[in-house]
């Protein structure tokens, strides 16, 4: 009995590695830059002003993070719909990072269901992030 394998995309691997490396480098640079800015801002602002600015930055970053999580959830819902439609995991047009055994029929529908559940959890996380950001930014209670 031979199993059908969906082959990996080497170009996607290279692109993903480059994107993740860039993201890690950017995160390190932003962290170092923030530490430098915070040290300088602490000398120029009162504690209350500094707390207000850091609170606003935290709220804005929380909102951006929540938006990213929401985009990921919407992508997961789209993938789940495609899997349900084709009854095949991964979808025929999907590009994968590694070789993946193909699942069809009921097995593929189980993957689609799990993906939808994950998407709902991500949407809830995005909503919590939005509410947290709303409060951090000092807007009135919704």
Protein backbone atom coordinates (compact mmCIF):
# COMPACT_ATOMS: atom_id res chain seq x y z
CA UNK A 1 0.00 0.00 0.00
CA UNK A 2 1.65 3.24 -1.13
CA UNK A 3 0.74 6.52 0.48
CA UNK A 4 0.29 9.67 -1.53
CA UNK A 5 2.74 12.41 -0.50
CA UNK A 6 2.31 16.14 -1.13
CA UNK A 7 5.88 17.30 -1.90
CA UNK A 8 7.62 20.15 -0.10
CA UNK A 9 8.35 23.41 -1.87
CA UNK A 10 12.08 24.23 -1.53
CA UNK A 11 11.48 27.85 -2.58
CA UNK A 12 8.91 28.27 0.21
CA UNK A 13 11.46 26.87 2.69
CA UNK A 14 14.05 29.46 1.63
CA UNK A 15 11.51 32.27 1.71
CA UNK A 16 10.25 31.23 5.15
CA UNK A 17 13.78 30.98 6.53
CA UNK A 18 14.63 34.44 5.18
CA UNK A 19 11.40 35.95 6.55
CA UNK A 20 11.85 34.40 10.01
CA UNK A 21 15.50 35.46 10.15
CA UNK A 22 14.52 38.99 9.20
CA UNK A 23 11.75 39.03 11.80
CA UNK A 24 14.11 37.85 14.56
CA UNK A 25 16.68 40.46 13.58
CA UNK A 26 14.02 43.19 13.49
CA UNK A 27 12.71 42.12 16.92
CA UNK A 28 16.21 42.28 18.42
CA UNK A 29 16.83 45.72 16.89
CA UNK A 30 13.46 47.06 18.06
CA UNK A 31 14.07 45.72 21.58
CA UNK A 32 17.51 47.30 21.76
CA UNK A 33 16.17 50.54 20.30
CA UNK A 34 13.33 50.61 22.81
CA UNK A 35 15.72 50.08 25.71
CA UNK A 36 17.87 52.95 24.43
CA UNK A 37 14.82 55.19 23.94
CA UNK A 38 13.45 54.30 27.38
CA UNK A 39 16.71 55.22 29.09
CA UNK A 40 16.74 58.61 27.33
CA UNK A 41 13.02 59.24 27.85
CA UNK A 42 13.30 58.49 31.56
CA UNK A 43 15.71 61.42 31.89
CA UNK A 44 13.50 63.83 29.90
CA UNK A 45 10.01 62.98 31.22
CA UNK A 46 8.34 62.74 34.57
CA UNK A 47 7.43 59.25 35.74
CA UNK A 48 3.72 59.92 35.06
CA UNK A 49 4.43 61.06 31.49
CA UNK A 50 6.69 58.09 30.85
CA UNK A 51 4.04 55.68 32.16
CA UNK A 52 1.41 57.29 29.92
CA UNK A 53 3.64 57.03 26.83
CA UNK A 54 4.63 53.41 27.54
CA UNK A 55 0.97 52.57 28.17
CA UNK A 56 0.01 54.06 24.79
CA UNK A 57 2.82 52.18 23.04
CA UNK A 58 1.75 48.95 24.71
CA UNK A 59 -1.87 49.54 23.67
CA UNK A 60 -0.89 50.25 20.07
CA UNK A 61 1.33 47.16 19.89
CA UNK A 62 -1.42 45.04 21.45
CA UNK A 63 -3.84 46.29 18.81
CA UNK A 64 -1.36 45.48 16.01
CA UNK A 65 -0.76 42.02 17.47
CA UNK A 66 -4.50 41.40 17.72
CA UNK A 67 -4.94 42.44 14.09
CA UNK A 68 -2.22 39.97 13.04
CA UNK A 69 -3.92 37.18 14.99
CA UNK A 70 -7.24 38.05 13.35
CA UNK A 71 -5.65 37.84 9.88
CA UNK A 72 -4.22 34.43 10.79
CA UNK A 73 -7.68 33.27 11.96
CA UNK A 74 -9.30 34.42 8.72
CA UNK A 75 -6.62 32.58 6.73
CA UNK A 76 -7.28 29.43 8.78
CA UNK A 77 -11.01 29.67 8.02
CA UNK A 78 -10.23 30.05 4.32
CA UNK A 79 -7.94 27.00 4.39
CA UNK A 80 -10.56 24.97 6.27
CA UNK A 81 -13.19 25.89 3.67
CA UNK A 82 -10.85 24.76 0.89
CA UNK A 83 -10.10 21.48 2.66
CA UNK A 84 -13.83 20.84 3.14
CA UNK A 85 -14.53 21.65 -0.51
CA UNK A 86 -11.74 19.42 -1.88
CA UNK A 87 -11.93 16.84 0.93
CA UNK A 88 -8.15 16.74 0.73
CA UNK A 89 -5.44 17.83 3.17
CA UNK A 90 -3.28 19.60 2.22
CA UNK A 91 -5.23 21.28 -0.55
CA UNK A 92 -4.00 20.42 -4.04
CA UNK A 93 -2.64 23.94 -4.66
CA UNK A 94 -1.01 24.27 -1.23
CA UNK A 95 2.70 24.85 -0.88
CA UNK A 96 4.20 23.05 2.12
CA UNK A 97 7.47 23.35 4.02
CA UNK A 98 7.93 19.59 4.19
CA UNK A 99 6.61 16.47 2.53
CA UNK A 100 3.13 15.82 3.91
CA UNK A 101 1.03 12.64 3.65
CA UNK A 102 -2.23 13.42 1.86
CA UNK A 103 -5.44 12.83 3.82
CA UNK A 104 -8.72 12.43 2.01
CA UNK A 105 -12.37 12.16 2.93
CA UNK A 106 -13.21 11.91 6.64
CA UNK A 107 -9.56 12.37 7.68
CA UNK A 108 -9.37 15.64 5.73
CA UNK A 109 -12.68 16.83 7.20
CA UNK A 110 -11.31 16.20 10.72
CA UNK A 111 -8.35 18.45 9.88
CA UNK A 112 -10.76 21.10 8.56
CA UNK A 113 -12.81 20.92 11.77
CA UNK A 114 -9.70 21.25 13.94
CA UNK A 115 -8.58 24.20 11.81
CA UNK A 116 -11.97 25.90 12.29
CA UNK A 117 -11.79 25.35 16.06
CA UNK A 118 -8.31 26.87 16.09
CA UNK A 119 -9.59 29.83 14.06
CA UNK A 120 -12.40 30.46 16.55
CA UNK A 121 -9.88 30.43 19.40
CA UNK A 122 -7.69 32.89 17.48
CA UNK A 123 -10.67 35.18 16.90
CA UNK A 124 -11.37 35.12 20.65
CA UNK A 125 -7.71 35.96 21.32
CA UNK A 126 -7.90 38.85 18.84
CA UNK A 127 -11.03 40.16 20.60
CA UNK A 128 -9.29 40.00 23.99
CA UNK A 129 -6.30 41.84 22.51
CA UNK A 130 -8.59 44.53 21.09
CA UNK A 131 -10.34 45.01 24.45
CA UNK A 132 -7.00 45.15 26.27
CA UNK A 133 -5.66 47.67 23.77
CA UNK A 134 -8.84 49.73 24.11
CA UNK A 135 -8.33 49.96 27.86
CA UNK A 136 -4.58 50.60 27.59
CA UNK A 137 -5.19 53.44 25.16
CA UNK A 138 -7.55 55.03 27.68
CA UNK A 139 -10.72 55.01 25.62
CA UNK A 140 -14.05 54.98 27.47
CA UNK A 141 -15.56 51.61 28.31
CA UNK A 142 -17.36 50.08 25.29
